Every structure is written in C-alpha cells, then in structure tokens.
C-alpha cells in the first residue's frame, strides 16, 4: 500500500491574488495566471490568512474586488486565522528589525505562513517580503524559534523552480 505523499504547503499573500487582474502589469499578470492554473490542479495545499481576505475586501474598486474574490473560488485553500501565536510571531519580526511596524500586515502574512508550517510563501511584494534581508532574517528567526525553514519566492521564481523539477 502506498503512503500518501504530503502536498507542499504554499502560502499566498494578497499581492498574488491582486496580480490576477493587474492589467497595468501584463507580464506579471500572465505569470500569476499561469501559477494560478497550477494551484487549480490541486498539487499544492494552498493557505491564505484572514489578512488576505481583509485586504482584498478593502479594494475600493467594487468590480475589481468582486473579480479578485471570485478568483479565490477557483482554488481550494485553507484560511489561517491571525491567532495570538501568529500575532506574537509578527511582532517578533518587528522586534528583530526584519520589518518595521508600518509593515505589520506583511509581518502577519509571514507569521501566518510560518505558524501554519507552510513550505513556501509566494508574493509579488519585493519591498517587504521577497528580498534578501527579509528572507535572511526570517531564516534566522525561524531557526531561533524552532520553526521549520520556509522558502520565499515570487510567482515567477516559483514557476521557474517548478518547471526545473519537471525537466
């Protein structure tokens, strides 16, 4: 009898969902849509936090907000609630100087992914999430706090990595 293989756990921040309808950035929009097709296949366990839902719900363009929320209906995902543990880890990110207090939502995205034991975070947020200093800082913090390592990729890098695995 075959043992079931655990699917990789992938956390999506709000930017990934937003880029599904980012007409002013057609290349990134297409990359995101390609990755989204992979997510529809069910090969990954997808996670988002209630921060993603809150941020999408704040979209001032009602038509775009409905489009973005409807994209979420295309995939199976689990919602991570911002618990005390997630909130505390997000505060550690600030305390360790990885990100600043004004980026607290970004800290919560990272914390939700770490606390949920995700394998990877996917984001288009190069300023606060997908950058060397954040990735290095999160590696140190997860090691110190006893959490497993987490990879942080842009959708483009994630897609490239996936394609290399299939070659």
N, C-alpha and C. Protein backbone atom coordinates (compact mmCIF):
# COMPACT_ATOMS: atom_id res chain seq x y z
N UNK A 1 0.83 -1.17 0.00
CA UNK A 1 0.00 0.00 0.00
C UNK A 1 0.89 1.25 0.00
N UNK A 2 0.54 2.21 -0.86
CA UNK A 2 1.32 3.44 -0.95
C UNK A 2 0.92 4.40 0.16
N UNK A 3 1.94 5.01 0.75
CA UNK A 3 1.63 6.04 1.74
C UNK A 3 1.36 7.34 1.01
N UNK A 4 0.34 8.08 1.44
CA UNK A 4 0.06 9.34 0.76
C UNK A 4 1.20 10.33 0.96
N UNK A 5 1.55 10.98 -0.10
CA UNK A 5 2.61 11.98 -0.04
C UNK A 5 1.97 13.31 0.35
N UNK A 6 2.57 13.95 1.32
CA UNK A 6 2.05 15.27 1.70
C UNK A 6 2.32 16.26 0.59
N UNK A 7 1.30 17.01 0.26
CA UNK A 7 1.47 18.04 -0.76
C UNK A 7 2.20 19.23 -0.14
N UNK A 8 3.03 19.90 -0.91
CA UNK A 8 3.68 21.10 -0.40
C UNK A 8 2.63 22.14 0.01
N UNK A 9 2.90 22.80 1.12
CA UNK A 9 2.01 23.84 1.63
C UNK A 9 2.51 25.20 1.13
N UNK A 10 1.64 25.90 0.41
CA UNK A 10 2.02 27.17 -0.21
C UNK A 10 1.12 28.28 0.35
N UNK A 11 1.75 29.30 0.90
CA UNK A 11 1.02 30.47 1.40
C UNK A 11 1.04 31.56 0.34
N UNK A 12 -0.12 32.11 0.04
CA UNK A 12 -0.23 33.21 -0.93
C UNK A 12 -0.56 34.49 -0.18
N UNK A 13 0.21 35.54 -0.42
CA UNK A 13 -0.18 36.81 0.16
C UNK A 13 -1.11 37.54 -0.81
N UNK A 14 -1.60 38.67 -0.41
CA UNK A 14 -2.60 39.41 -1.17
C UNK A 14 -2.12 39.80 -2.56
N UNK A 15 -0.82 40.08 -2.69
CA UNK A 15 -0.31 40.54 -3.99
C UNK A 15 -0.51 39.50 -5.08
N UNK A 16 -0.43 38.22 -4.73
CA UNK A 16 -0.60 37.17 -5.74
C UNK A 16 -2.03 37.21 -6.29
N UNK A 17 -3.00 37.31 -5.42
CA UNK A 17 -4.39 37.38 -5.86
C UNK A 17 -4.61 38.67 -6.66
N UNK A 18 -4.05 39.77 -6.19
CA UNK A 18 -4.23 41.06 -6.88
C UNK A 18 -3.69 41.04 -8.30
N UNK A 19 -2.57 40.36 -8.51
CA UNK A 19 -1.96 40.33 -9.83
C UNK A 19 -2.71 39.46 -10.83
N UNK A 20 -3.72 38.76 -10.39
CA UNK A 20 -4.56 38.02 -11.34
C UNK A 20 -5.35 38.98 -12.23
N UNK A 21 -5.50 40.22 -11.77
CA UNK A 21 -6.22 41.24 -12.53
C UNK A 21 -5.44 42.55 -12.51
N UNK A 22 -4.17 42.48 -12.81
CA UNK A 22 -3.28 43.65 -12.78
C UNK A 22 -2.96 44.05 -14.21
N UNK A 23 -3.93 44.68 -14.88
CA UNK A 23 -3.81 44.97 -16.31
C UNK A 23 -2.67 45.93 -16.64
N UNK A 24 -2.21 46.72 -15.65
CA UNK A 24 -1.11 47.64 -15.92
C UNK A 24 0.25 46.94 -15.82
N UNK A 25 0.24 45.64 -15.48
CA UNK A 25 1.47 44.84 -15.44
C UNK A 25 1.19 43.51 -16.12
N UNK A 26 1.02 43.53 -17.44
CA UNK A 26 0.56 42.33 -18.15
C UNK A 26 1.49 41.11 -18.01
N UNK A 27 2.79 41.33 -17.96
CA UNK A 27 3.71 40.19 -17.85
C UNK A 27 3.54 39.48 -16.50
N UNK A 28 3.52 40.27 -15.41
CA UNK A 28 3.33 39.68 -14.09
C UNK A 28 1.94 39.07 -13.96
N UNK A 29 0.95 39.69 -14.58
CA UNK A 29 -0.41 39.15 -14.55
C UNK A 29 -0.45 37.78 -15.22
N UNK A 30 0.23 37.63 -16.35
CA UNK A 30 0.23 36.35 -17.04
C UNK A 30 0.98 35.28 -16.23
N UNK A 31 2.09 35.65 -15.65
CA UNK A 31 2.84 34.72 -14.81
C UNK A 31 1.95 34.25 -13.66
N UNK A 32 1.26 35.20 -13.03
CA UNK A 32 0.38 34.86 -11.91
C UNK A 32 -0.75 33.94 -12.36
N UNK A 33 -1.31 34.22 -13.51
CA UNK A 33 -2.39 33.36 -14.02
C UNK A 33 -1.87 31.95 -14.34
N UNK A 34 -0.66 31.85 -14.84
CA UNK A 34 -0.06 30.53 -15.10
C UNK A 34 0.12 29.76 -13.79
N UNK A 35 0.64 30.43 -12.78
CA UNK A 35 0.82 29.79 -11.47
C UNK A 35 -0.54 29.40 -10.89
N UNK A 36 -1.52 30.26 -11.08
CA UNK A 36 -2.88 30.01 -10.58
C UNK A 36 -3.45 28.72 -11.18
N UNK A 37 -3.16 28.49 -12.46
CA UNK A 37 -3.61 27.24 -13.10
C UNK A 37 -3.00 26.03 -12.39
N UNK A 38 -1.76 26.15 -11.99
CA UNK A 38 -1.11 25.08 -11.23
C UNK A 38 -1.83 24.87 -9.91
N UNK A 39 -2.21 25.96 -9.25
CA UNK A 39 -2.90 25.85 -7.97
C UNK A 39 -4.28 25.21 -8.14
N UNK A 40 -4.91 25.46 -9.26
CA UNK A 40 -6.23 24.86 -9.52
C UNK A 40 -6.14 23.33 -9.64
N UNK A 41 -4.96 22.84 -10.00
CA UNK A 41 -4.77 21.40 -10.20
C UNK A 41 -4.82 20.60 -8.91
N UNK A 42 -4.65 21.28 -7.78
CA UNK A 42 -4.69 20.59 -6.50
C UNK A 42 -3.38 19.94 -6.10
N UNK A 43 -2.29 20.26 -6.78
CA UNK A 43 -0.98 19.66 -6.44
C UNK A 43 -0.39 20.24 -5.15
N UNK A 44 -0.94 21.35 -4.71
CA UNK A 44 -0.44 22.04 -3.53
C UNK A 44 -1.57 22.27 -2.55
N UNK A 45 -1.23 22.30 -1.26
CA UNK A 45 -2.17 22.77 -0.25
C UNK A 45 -1.96 24.28 -0.16
N UNK A 46 -2.98 25.02 -0.49
CA UNK A 46 -2.88 26.47 -0.53
C UNK A 46 -3.41 27.06 0.77
N UNK A 47 -2.68 28.02 1.28
CA UNK A 47 -3.06 28.72 2.51
C UNK A 47 -3.10 30.22 2.23
N UNK A 48 -4.09 30.87 2.79
CA UNK A 48 -4.13 32.33 2.85
C UNK A 48 -4.57 32.68 4.27
N UNK A 49 -4.31 33.88 4.68
CA UNK A 49 -4.75 34.27 6.02
C UNK A 49 -5.97 35.17 5.91
N UNK A 50 -6.59 35.40 7.06
CA UNK A 50 -7.71 36.33 7.05
C UNK A 50 -7.25 37.75 6.71
N UNK A 51 -5.93 37.99 6.79
CA UNK A 51 -5.38 39.29 6.36
C UNK A 51 -5.60 39.46 4.86
N UNK A 52 -5.44 38.40 4.08
CA UNK A 52 -5.66 38.46 2.63
C UNK A 52 -7.11 38.84 2.35
N UNK A 53 -8.04 38.18 3.03
CA UNK A 53 -9.46 38.48 2.82
C UNK A 53 -9.75 39.93 3.19
N UNK A 54 -9.20 40.37 4.32
CA UNK A 54 -9.42 41.76 4.76
C UNK A 54 -8.85 42.74 3.74
N UNK A 55 -7.63 42.49 3.26
CA UNK A 55 -7.01 43.41 2.30
C UNK A 55 -7.78 43.43 0.99
N UNK A 56 -8.21 42.27 0.51
CA UNK A 56 -8.99 42.24 -0.74
C UNK A 56 -10.33 42.95 -0.56
N UNK A 57 -10.92 42.80 0.59
CA UNK A 57 -12.22 43.43 0.85
C UNK A 57 -12.11 44.95 0.90
N UNK A 58 -10.90 45.47 1.13
CA UNK A 58 -10.69 46.92 1.17
C UNK A 58 -10.51 47.53 -0.22
N UNK A 59 -10.43 46.70 -1.25
CA UNK A 59 -10.25 47.22 -2.61
C UNK A 59 -11.39 48.18 -2.92
N UNK A 60 -11.04 49.42 -3.25
CA UNK A 60 -12.07 50.46 -3.45
C UNK A 60 -12.86 50.28 -4.74
N UNK A 61 -12.26 49.63 -5.73
CA UNK A 61 -12.96 49.37 -6.99
C UNK A 61 -13.81 48.12 -6.82
N UNK A 62 -15.11 48.32 -6.70
CA UNK A 62 -16.02 47.20 -6.39
C UNK A 62 -15.96 46.09 -7.42
N UNK A 63 -15.86 46.47 -8.71
CA UNK A 63 -15.81 45.46 -9.77
C UNK A 63 -14.54 44.60 -9.62
N UNK A 64 -13.41 45.26 -9.41
CA UNK A 64 -12.15 44.53 -9.25
C UNK A 64 -12.19 43.67 -7.99
N UNK A 65 -12.75 44.21 -6.90
CA UNK A 65 -12.85 43.44 -5.65
C UNK A 65 -13.62 42.14 -5.88
N UNK A 66 -14.73 42.23 -6.60
CA UNK A 66 -15.54 41.03 -6.88
C UNK A 66 -14.77 40.03 -7.75
N UNK A 67 -14.03 40.55 -8.74
CA UNK A 67 -13.23 39.69 -9.61
C UNK A 67 -12.17 38.95 -8.79
N UNK A 68 -11.46 39.69 -7.93
CA UNK A 68 -10.39 39.08 -7.14
C UNK A 68 -10.95 38.04 -6.16
N UNK A 69 -12.04 38.35 -5.50
CA UNK A 69 -12.63 37.39 -4.58
C UNK A 69 -13.17 36.17 -5.32
N UNK A 70 -13.66 36.38 -6.55
CA UNK A 70 -14.16 35.23 -7.32
C UNK A 70 -13.02 34.30 -7.75
N UNK A 71 -11.82 34.85 -7.94
CA UNK A 71 -10.66 34.00 -8.26
C UNK A 71 -10.39 33.01 -7.13
N UNK A 72 -10.60 33.46 -5.90
CA UNK A 72 -10.37 32.56 -4.77
C UNK A 72 -11.31 31.36 -4.80
N UNK A 73 -12.46 31.52 -5.42
CA UNK A 73 -13.41 30.41 -5.52
C UNK A 73 -12.92 29.33 -6.49
N UNK A 74 -11.90 29.65 -7.29
CA UNK A 74 -11.39 28.70 -8.28
C UNK A 74 -10.43 27.67 -7.68
N UNK A 75 -9.95 27.94 -6.48
CA UNK A 75 -8.96 27.04 -5.87
C UNK A 75 -9.46 26.59 -4.49
N UNK A 76 -8.93 25.46 -4.05
CA UNK A 76 -9.17 25.02 -2.68
C UNK A 76 -8.09 25.65 -1.82
N UNK A 77 -8.48 26.23 -0.71
CA UNK A 77 -7.49 26.83 0.18
C UNK A 77 -7.98 26.75 1.62
N UNK A 78 -7.04 26.89 2.50
CA UNK A 78 -7.34 26.94 3.93
C UNK A 78 -7.06 28.36 4.41
N UNK A 79 -7.94 28.85 5.27
CA UNK A 79 -7.71 30.18 5.84
C UNK A 79 -7.02 30.03 7.18
N UNK A 80 -5.95 30.80 7.35
CA UNK A 80 -5.21 30.84 8.61
C UNK A 80 -5.72 32.07 9.37
N UNK A 81 -6.26 31.83 10.54
CA UNK A 81 -6.69 32.95 11.38
C UNK A 81 -5.48 33.56 12.06
N UNK A 82 -5.53 34.86 12.24
CA UNK A 82 -4.46 35.53 12.96
C UNK A 82 -4.72 35.30 14.45
N UNK A 83 -4.10 34.27 14.96
CA UNK A 83 -4.21 33.89 16.36
C UNK A 83 -3.20 34.68 17.19
N UNK A 84 -3.21 34.46 18.49
CA UNK A 84 -2.21 35.09 19.37
C UNK A 84 -0.80 34.68 18.95
N UNK A 85 -0.65 33.41 18.55
CA UNK A 85 0.66 32.90 18.16
C UNK A 85 1.15 33.59 16.87
N UNK A 86 0.25 33.76 15.90
CA UNK A 86 0.60 34.45 14.65
C UNK A 86 0.95 35.90 14.96
N UNK A 87 0.12 36.55 15.77
CA UNK A 87 0.34 37.95 16.13
C UNK A 87 1.69 38.12 16.83
N UNK A 88 1.99 37.21 17.76
CA UNK A 88 3.25 37.28 18.50
C UNK A 88 4.45 37.10 17.57
N UNK A 89 4.35 36.16 16.63
CA UNK A 89 5.46 35.95 15.70
C UNK A 89 5.63 37.18 14.81
N UNK A 90 4.52 37.78 14.39
CA UNK A 90 4.58 39.01 13.57
C UNK A 90 5.29 40.11 14.36
N UNK A 91 5.01 40.20 15.64
CA UNK A 91 5.69 41.20 16.47
C UNK A 91 7.19 40.89 16.61
N UNK A 92 7.54 39.59 16.67
CA UNK A 92 8.97 39.21 16.70
C UNK A 92 9.69 39.70 15.44
N UNK A 93 9.03 39.63 14.32
CA UNK A 93 9.63 40.09 13.06
C UNK A 93 10.02 41.56 13.18
N UNK A 94 9.17 42.33 13.83
CA UNK A 94 9.45 43.75 14.04
C UNK A 94 10.53 43.93 15.11
N UNK A 95 10.38 43.20 16.22
CA UNK A 95 11.35 43.31 17.32
C UNK A 95 12.77 42.99 16.86
N UNK A 96 12.90 42.05 15.93
CA UNK A 96 14.21 41.66 15.43
C UNK A 96 14.71 42.60 14.32
N UNK A 97 13.91 43.60 13.98
CA UNK A 97 14.33 44.59 12.99
C UNK A 97 14.27 44.09 11.55
N UNK A 98 13.54 43.00 11.32
CA UNK A 98 13.42 42.47 9.96
C UNK A 98 12.53 43.39 9.12
N UNK A 99 11.40 43.79 9.70
CA UNK A 99 10.49 44.75 9.06
C UNK A 99 10.08 45.78 10.10
N UNK A 100 9.50 46.87 9.64
CA UNK A 100 9.06 47.95 10.54
C UNK A 100 7.57 47.79 10.87
N UNK A 101 7.16 48.45 11.94
CA UNK A 101 5.78 48.39 12.43
C UNK A 101 4.77 48.76 11.33
N UNK A 102 5.13 49.71 10.46
CA UNK A 102 4.19 50.13 9.40
C UNK A 102 3.91 48.99 8.40
N UNK A 103 4.74 47.96 8.42
CA UNK A 103 4.54 46.80 7.53
C UNK A 103 3.94 45.62 8.30
N UNK A 104 3.13 45.92 9.30
CA UNK A 104 2.62 44.86 10.17
C UNK A 104 1.78 43.82 9.41
N UNK A 105 1.00 44.25 8.42
CA UNK A 105 0.23 43.27 7.63
C UNK A 105 1.17 42.28 6.93
N UNK A 106 2.28 42.78 6.41
CA UNK A 106 3.26 41.90 5.77
C UNK A 106 3.86 40.93 6.80
N UNK A 107 4.11 41.44 8.00
CA UNK A 107 4.61 40.58 9.08
C UNK A 107 3.60 39.48 9.39
N UNK A 108 2.31 39.84 9.38
CA UNK A 108 1.27 38.85 9.66
C UNK A 108 1.19 37.79 8.56
N UNK A 109 1.40 38.20 7.31
CA UNK A 109 1.43 37.22 6.22
C UNK A 109 2.54 36.20 6.47
N UNK A 110 3.73 36.70 6.76
CA UNK A 110 4.87 35.81 7.00
C UNK A 110 4.60 34.93 8.22
N UNK A 111 4.12 35.53 9.28
CA UNK A 111 3.85 34.78 10.51
C UNK A 111 2.79 33.71 10.29
N UNK A 112 1.74 34.03 9.57
CA UNK A 112 0.68 33.05 9.30
C UNK A 112 1.25 31.85 8.55
N UNK A 113 2.13 32.12 7.60
CA UNK A 113 2.74 31.04 6.82
C UNK A 113 3.66 30.18 7.70
N UNK A 114 4.46 30.83 8.53
CA UNK A 114 5.40 30.10 9.40
C UNK A 114 4.63 29.26 10.42
N UNK A 115 3.66 29.86 11.09
CA UNK A 115 2.91 29.17 12.14
C UNK A 115 2.09 28.01 11.54
N UNK A 116 1.67 28.15 10.29
CA UNK A 116 0.89 27.10 9.61
C UNK A 116 1.79 26.01 9.04
N UNK A 117 3.08 26.13 9.26
CA UNK A 117 4.02 25.12 8.77
C UNK A 117 4.07 25.05 7.25
N UNK A 118 3.88 26.18 6.60
CA UNK A 118 3.94 26.20 5.14
C UNK A 118 5.38 25.98 4.68
N UNK A 119 5.51 25.46 3.48
CA UNK A 119 6.83 25.23 2.90
C UNK A 119 7.35 26.45 2.16
N UNK A 120 6.42 27.25 1.64
CA UNK A 120 6.81 28.39 0.81
C UNK A 120 5.78 29.50 0.94
N UNK A 121 6.27 30.73 0.84
CA UNK A 121 5.43 31.93 0.72
C UNK A 121 5.64 32.43 -0.70
N UNK A 122 4.53 32.75 -1.37
CA UNK A 122 4.63 33.35 -2.70
C UNK A 122 4.06 34.76 -2.63
N UNK A 123 4.82 35.70 -3.16
CA UNK A 123 4.44 37.11 -3.08
C UNK A 123 5.09 37.90 -4.21
N UNK A 124 4.41 38.95 -4.61
CA UNK A 124 5.00 39.93 -5.54
C UNK A 124 5.56 41.12 -4.76
N UNK A 125 5.52 41.08 -3.43
CA UNK A 125 5.96 42.19 -2.61
C UNK A 125 7.48 42.12 -2.41
N UNK A 126 8.21 42.74 -3.34
CA UNK A 126 9.67 42.71 -3.28
C UNK A 126 10.22 43.67 -2.22
N UNK A 127 9.45 44.68 -1.87
CA UNK A 127 9.93 45.67 -0.90
C UNK A 127 10.02 45.07 0.51
N UNK A 128 9.00 44.29 0.89
CA UNK A 128 8.96 43.82 2.28
C UNK A 128 9.09 42.31 2.47
N UNK A 129 8.75 41.52 1.46
CA UNK A 129 8.72 40.07 1.67
C UNK A 129 9.76 39.33 0.84
N UNK A 130 9.74 39.51 -0.46
CA UNK A 130 10.64 38.76 -1.34
C UNK A 130 11.91 39.59 -1.56
N UNK A 131 12.73 39.66 -0.50
CA UNK A 131 14.01 40.34 -0.64
C UNK A 131 15.02 39.71 0.30
N UNK A 132 16.27 39.90 0.00
CA UNK A 132 17.36 39.23 0.70
C UNK A 132 17.29 39.42 2.22
N UNK A 133 17.14 40.66 2.67
CA UNK A 133 17.17 40.93 4.11
C UNK A 133 16.02 40.24 4.84
N UNK A 134 14.83 40.28 4.26
CA UNK A 134 13.69 39.62 4.90
C UNK A 134 13.89 38.11 4.91
N UNK A 135 14.29 37.55 3.78
CA UNK A 135 14.48 36.10 3.69
C UNK A 135 15.54 35.65 4.70
N UNK A 136 16.65 36.36 4.78
CA UNK A 136 17.72 36.03 5.73
C UNK A 136 17.21 36.16 7.16
N UNK A 137 16.53 37.25 7.46
CA UNK A 137 16.02 37.49 8.81
C UNK A 137 15.00 36.44 9.24
N UNK A 138 14.12 36.05 8.34
CA UNK A 138 13.11 35.04 8.66
C UNK A 138 13.79 33.69 8.89
N UNK A 139 14.82 33.40 8.12
CA UNK A 139 15.57 32.14 8.32
C UNK A 139 16.16 32.10 9.73
N UNK A 140 16.78 33.19 10.15
CA UNK A 140 17.37 33.26 11.49
C UNK A 140 16.27 33.12 12.55
N UNK A 141 15.18 33.86 12.38
CA UNK A 141 14.10 33.86 13.36
C UNK A 141 13.42 32.50 13.48
N UNK A 142 13.14 31.86 12.35
CA UNK A 142 12.50 30.54 12.42
C UNK A 142 13.43 29.52 13.08
N UNK A 143 14.71 29.62 12.81
CA UNK A 143 15.67 28.71 13.44
C UNK A 143 15.71 28.96 14.95
N UNK A 144 15.79 30.21 15.36
CA UNK A 144 15.83 30.55 16.79
C UNK A 144 14.56 30.12 17.52
N UNK A 145 13.43 30.27 16.86
CA UNK A 145 12.15 29.99 17.50
C UNK A 145 11.71 28.53 17.34
N UNK A 146 12.49 27.73 16.61
CA UNK A 146 12.20 26.31 16.48
C UNK A 146 11.17 25.95 15.42
N UNK A 147 10.97 26.83 14.45
CA UNK A 147 10.06 26.54 13.33
C UNK A 147 10.87 26.03 12.15
N UNK A 148 10.19 25.32 11.26
CA UNK A 148 10.91 24.83 10.08
C UNK A 148 11.21 25.99 9.13
N UNK A 149 12.23 25.79 8.32
CA UNK A 149 12.59 26.80 7.31
C UNK A 149 11.43 26.99 6.35
N UNK A 150 11.33 28.20 5.84
CA UNK A 150 10.30 28.49 4.84
C UNK A 150 10.97 29.19 3.66
N UNK A 151 10.61 28.79 2.47
CA UNK A 151 11.13 29.42 1.26
C UNK A 151 10.25 30.61 0.93
N UNK A 152 10.83 31.62 0.34
CA UNK A 152 10.06 32.81 -0.07
C UNK A 152 10.40 33.09 -1.53
N UNK A 153 9.37 33.02 -2.38
CA UNK A 153 9.54 33.18 -3.83
C UNK A 153 8.54 34.18 -4.40
N UNK A 154 8.92 34.78 -5.50
CA UNK A 154 7.95 35.49 -6.33
C UNK A 154 7.22 34.41 -7.13
N UNK A 155 6.05 34.72 -7.68
CA UNK A 155 5.39 33.73 -8.54
C UNK A 155 6.27 33.28 -9.70
N UNK A 156 7.03 34.21 -10.24
CA UNK A 156 7.91 33.88 -11.37
C UNK A 156 8.99 32.88 -10.96
N UNK A 157 9.62 33.12 -9.82
CA UNK A 157 10.67 32.19 -9.34
C UNK A 157 10.06 30.85 -8.98
N UNK A 158 8.88 30.86 -8.38
CA UNK A 158 8.20 29.62 -8.04
C UNK A 158 7.90 28.81 -9.30
N UNK A 159 7.42 29.47 -10.32
CA UNK A 159 7.09 28.81 -11.59
C UNK A 159 8.35 28.22 -12.22
N UNK A 160 9.45 28.98 -12.20
CA UNK A 160 10.72 28.51 -12.77
C UNK A 160 11.23 27.29 -12.02
N UNK A 161 11.14 27.32 -10.69
CA UNK A 161 11.58 26.21 -9.85
C UNK A 161 10.76 24.96 -10.17
N UNK A 162 9.47 25.14 -10.32
CA UNK A 162 8.56 24.04 -10.61
C UNK A 162 8.87 23.43 -11.98
N UNK A 163 9.15 24.30 -12.95
CA UNK A 163 9.46 23.81 -14.30
C UNK A 163 10.77 23.02 -14.31
N UNK A 164 11.75 23.47 -13.53
CA UNK A 164 13.03 22.75 -13.45
C UNK A 164 12.84 21.37 -12.85
N UNK A 165 11.95 21.25 -11.86
CA UNK A 165 11.67 19.95 -11.23
C UNK A 165 11.08 18.97 -12.24
N UNK A 166 10.33 19.49 -13.20
CA UNK A 166 9.64 18.64 -14.17
C UNK A 166 10.50 18.26 -15.36
N UNK A 167 11.70 18.83 -15.45
CA UNK A 167 12.56 18.53 -16.60
C UNK A 167 13.30 17.24 -16.43
